[in-house]
Amino acid sequence: MPSTRKEKFTLWFEELDKNDIPLVGGKNANLGEMLKAKIPVPPGFAITAQAYEEFITKTGIAEKIYKAIKETVTDVNDPKQYEEASKRIRRIIESTPMLPEIEKAIRNAYSELNKK
């Protein structure tokens, strides 16, 4: 069981602020900031960078992702190559089964969200 915020797979919007951008990205961190400013935001949670990191490393797809980038992006000034790399990476991610511990964390958070 994760013991620190950095080790968690999900975090609630109300737990977040601008300092959490490395953990959950800017959009999710901003939702936390909005809540702190008393701006109405629907309840929700963020899936953390830790979940993504564990997913791509433990499933072994990190290497496939980097290979797709290396093979596809041969001209750093060609946006179409980045678009194609993105499509390849998306297919890799979507075709890889979720790790049970991450799936459990997301399902638990979703179940809590439904109660809210």
C-alpha atoms as a PDB file:
ATOM      1  CA  MET A   1       0.000   0.000   0.000  1.00  0.00           C
ATOM      2  CA  PRO A   2       1.490   3.359  -0.978  1.00  0.00           C
ATOM      3  CA  SER A   3       2.567   5.363   2.040  1.00  0.00           C
ATOM      4  CA  THR A   4       3.231   8.797   0.565  1.00  0.00           C
ATOM      5  CA  ARG A   5       1.382  11.016  -1.882  1.00  0.00           C
ATOM      6  CA  LYS A   6       4.120  10.442  -4.468  1.00  0.00           C
ATOM      7  CA  GLU A   7       3.519   6.685  -4.282  1.00  0.00           C
ATOM      8  CA  LYS A   8      -0.261   6.837  -4.691  1.00  0.00           C
ATOM      9  CA  PHE A   9      -1.990   5.982  -7.948  1.00  0.00           C
ATOM     10  CA  THR A  10      -4.913   8.364  -7.436  1.00  0.00           C
ATOM     11  CA  LEU A  11      -5.371  11.689  -5.650  1.00  0.00           C
ATOM     12  CA  TRP A  12      -8.606  13.620  -5.089  1.00  0.00           C
ATOM     13  CA  PHE A  13      -8.913  17.087  -6.612  1.00  0.00           C
ATOM     14  CA  GLU A  14      -9.322  18.594  -3.146  1.00  0.00           C
ATOM     15  CA  GLU A  15      -5.905  17.172  -2.191  1.00  0.00           C
ATOM     16  CA  LEU A  16      -4.199  19.010  -5.048  1.00  0.00           C
ATOM     17  CA  ASP A  17      -2.672  22.413  -5.618  1.00  0.00           C
ATOM     18  CA  LYS A  18      -0.174  24.057  -7.962  1.00  0.00           C
ATOM     19  CA  ASN A  19       2.709  22.257  -6.256  1.00  0.00           C
ATOM     20  CA  ASP A  20       1.326  18.940  -7.505  1.00  0.00           C
ATOM     21  CA  ILE A  21       1.916  19.559 -11.210  1.00  0.00           C
ATOM     22  CA  PRO A  22       4.727  16.942 -11.291  1.00  0.00           C
ATOM     23  CA  LEU A  23       2.382  14.399  -9.669  1.00  0.00           C
ATOM     24  CA  VAL A  24      -0.813  14.923 -11.669  1.00  0.00           C
ATOM     25  CA  GLY A  25      -0.204  17.474 -14.413  1.00  0.00           C
ATOM     26  CA  GLY A  26      -1.290  21.068 -14.722  1.00  0.00           C
ATOM     27  CA  LYS A  27      -4.984  20.574 -15.472  1.00  0.00           C
ATOM     28  CA  ASN A  28      -5.578  18.385 -12.421  1.00  0.00           C
ATOM     29  CA  ALA A  29      -3.483  20.614 -10.161  1.00  0.00           C
ATOM     30  CA  ASN A  30      -5.496  23.612 -11.361  1.00  0.00           C
ATOM     31  CA  LEU A  31      -8.734  21.858 -10.428  1.00  0.00           C
ATOM     32  CA  GLY A  32      -7.368  21.598  -6.891  1.00  0.00           C
ATOM     33  CA  GLU A  33      -6.475  25.291  -6.958  1.00  0.00           C
ATOM     34  CA  MET A  34      -9.978  26.143  -8.142  1.00  0.00           C
ATOM     35  CA  LEU A  35     -11.501  24.205  -5.255  1.00  0.00           C
ATOM     36  CA  LYS A  36      -9.252  26.023  -2.790  1.00  0.00           C
ATOM     37  CA  ALA A  37     -10.475  29.317  -4.306  1.00  0.00           C
ATOM     38  CA  LYS A  38     -14.082  28.159  -3.670  1.00  0.00           C
ATOM     39  CA  ILE A  39     -14.829  27.849  -7.393  1.00  0.00           C
ATOM     40  CA  PRO A  40     -17.341  25.043  -7.930  1.00  0.00           C
ATOM     41  CA  VAL A  41     -15.699  21.970  -9.434  1.00  0.00           C
ATOM     42  CA  PRO A  42     -17.403  18.591  -9.762  1.00  0.00           C
ATOM     43  CA  PRO A  43     -15.898  15.932  -7.515  1.00  0.00           C
ATOM     44  CA  GLY A  44     -13.149  13.899  -9.082  1.00  0.00           C
ATOM     45  CA  PHE A  45      -9.726  12.387  -8.846  1.00  0.00           C
ATOM     46  CA  ALA A  46      -6.507  12.371 -10.804  1.00  0.00           C
ATOM     47  CA  ILE A  47      -4.491   9.361 -11.857  1.00  0.00           C
ATOM     48  CA  THR A  48      -0.915  10.102 -10.881  1.00  0.00           C
ATOM     49  CA  ALA A  49       2.341  10.111 -12.793  1.00  0.00           C
ATOM     50  CA  GLN A  50       3.396   7.298 -10.447  1.00  0.00           C
ATOM     51  CA  ALA A  51       0.611   5.105 -11.846  1.00  0.00           C
ATOM     52  CA  TYR A  52       1.770   5.860 -15.397  1.00  0.00           C
ATOM     53  CA  GLU A  53       5.431   5.235 -14.523  1.00  0.00           C
ATOM     54  CA  GLU A  54       4.666   1.886 -12.912  1.00  0.00           C
ATOM     55  CA  PHE A  55       2.381   0.929 -15.782  1.00  0.00           C
ATOM     56  CA  ILE A  56       4.940   1.532 -18.517  1.00  0.00           C
ATOM     57  CA  THR A  57       7.892   0.058 -16.620  1.00  0.00           C
ATOM     58  CA  LYS A  58       6.297  -3.015 -15.037  1.00  0.00           C
ATOM     59  CA  THR A  59       4.526  -3.995 -18.251  1.00  0.00           C
ATOM     60  CA  GLY A  60       7.704  -3.465 -20.257  1.00  0.00           C
ATOM     61  CA  ILE A  61       6.111  -1.071 -22.727  1.00  0.00           C
ATOM     62  CA  ALA A  62       8.464   1.817 -21.948  1.00  0.00           C
ATOM     63  CA  GLU A  63      10.974   0.332 -24.379  1.00  0.00           C
ATOM     64  CA  LYS A  64       8.276  -0.067 -27.036  1.00  0.00           C
ATOM     65  CA  ILE A  65       7.258   3.563 -26.583  1.00  0.00           C
ATOM     66  CA  TYR A  66      10.818   4.844 -26.947  1.00  0.00           C
ATOM     67  CA  LYS A  67      11.342   2.599 -29.970  1.00  0.00           C
ATOM     68  CA  ALA A  68       8.178   3.961 -31.603  1.00  0.00           C
ATOM     69  CA  ILE A  69       9.432   7.510 -31.095  1.00  0.00           C
ATOM     70  CA  LYS A  70      12.908   6.710 -32.422  1.00  0.00           C
ATOM     71  CA  GLU A  71      11.521   4.955 -35.509  1.00  0.00           C
ATOM     72  CA  THR A  72       8.837   7.517 -36.275  1.00  0.00           C
ATOM     73  CA  VAL A  73      10.397  10.873 -35.438  1.00  0.00           C
ATOM     74  CA  THR A  74      13.368  11.192 -37.759  1.00  0.00           C
ATOM     75  CA  ASP A  75      12.873  14.922 -38.419  1.00  0.00           C
ATOM     76  CA  VAL A  76      12.258  16.907 -35.240  1.00  0.00           C
ATOM     77  CA  ASN A  77      10.761  19.728 -37.315  1.00  0.00           C
ATOM     78  CA  ASP A  78       8.020  17.564 -38.845  1.00  0.00           C
ATOM     79  CA  PRO A  79       4.825  17.731 -36.732  1.00  0.00           C
ATOM     80  CA  LYS A  80       3.233  14.900 -38.728  1.00  0.00           C
ATOM     81  CA  GLN A  81       5.906  12.535 -37.457  1.00  0.00           C
ATOM     82  CA  TYR A  82       5.025  13.416 -33.862  1.00  0.00           C
ATOM     83  CA  GLU A  83       1.372  12.839 -34.659  1.00  0.00           C
ATOM     84  CA  GLU A  84       2.175   9.403 -36.080  1.00  0.00           C
ATOM     85  CA  ALA A  85       4.369   8.552 -33.079  1.00  0.00           C
ATOM     86  CA  SER A  86       1.518   9.587 -30.798  1.00  0.00           C
ATOM     87  CA  LYS A  87      -0.869   7.250 -32.617  1.00  0.00           C
ATOM     88  CA  ARG A  88       1.592   4.359 -32.311  1.00  0.00           C
ATOM     89  CA  ILE A  89       2.127   5.029 -28.614  1.00  0.00           C
ATOM     90  CA  ARG A  90      -1.610   5.207 -27.997  1.00  0.00           C
ATOM     91  CA  ARG A  91      -2.059   1.796 -29.653  1.00  0.00           C
ATOM     92  CA  ILE A  92       0.710   0.350 -27.479  1.00  0.00           C
ATOM     93  CA  ILE A  93      -0.834   1.714 -24.277  1.00  0.00           C
ATOM     94  CA  GLU A  94      -4.406   0.757 -25.146  1.00  0.00           C
ATOM     95  CA  SER A  95      -3.405  -2.806 -26.057  1.00  0.00           C
ATOM     96  CA  THR A  96      -1.538  -3.386 -22.785  1.00  0.00           C
ATOM     97  CA  PRO A  97      -3.527  -4.795 -19.848  1.00  0.00           C
ATOM     98  CA  MET A  98      -3.678  -2.585 -16.767  1.00  0.00           C
ATOM     99  CA  LEU A  99      -1.656  -3.697 -13.746  1.00  0.00           C
ATOM    100  CA  PRO A 100      -4.021  -5.156 -11.112  1.00  0.00           C
ATOM    101  CA  GLU A 101      -2.849  -2.801  -8.347  1.00  0.00           C
ATOM    102  CA  ILE A 102      -3.430   0.272 -10.496  1.00  0.00           C
ATOM    103  CA  GLU A 103      -6.791  -1.006 -11.693  1.00  0.00           C
ATOM    104  CA  LYS A 104      -7.827  -1.624  -8.089  1.00  0.00           C
ATOM    105  CA  ALA A 105      -6.831   1.914  -7.041  1.00  0.00           C
ATOM    106  CA  ILE A 106      -8.771   3.459  -9.928  1.00  0.00           C
ATOM    107  CA  ARG A 107     -11.830   1.283  -9.341  1.00  0.00           C
ATOM    108  CA  ASN A 108     -11.787   2.131  -5.618  1.00  0.00           C
ATOM    109  CA  ALA A 109     -11.549   5.849  -6.348  1.00  0.00           C
ATOM    110  CA  TYR A 110     -14.325   5.584  -8.921  1.00  0.00           C
ATOM    111  CA  SER A 111     -16.522   3.750  -6.438  1.00  0.00           C
ATOM    112  CA  GLU A 112     -15.902   6.537  -3.896  1.00  0.00           C
ATOM    113  CA  LEU A 113     -16.652   9.127  -6.573  1.00  0.00           C
ATOM    114  CA  ASN A 114     -20.022   7.503  -7.228  1.00  0.00           C
ATOM    115  CA  LYS A 115     -20.846   7.908  -3.524  1.00  0.00           C
ATOM    116  CA  LYS A 116     -20.078  11.626  -3.703  1.00  0.00           C
END
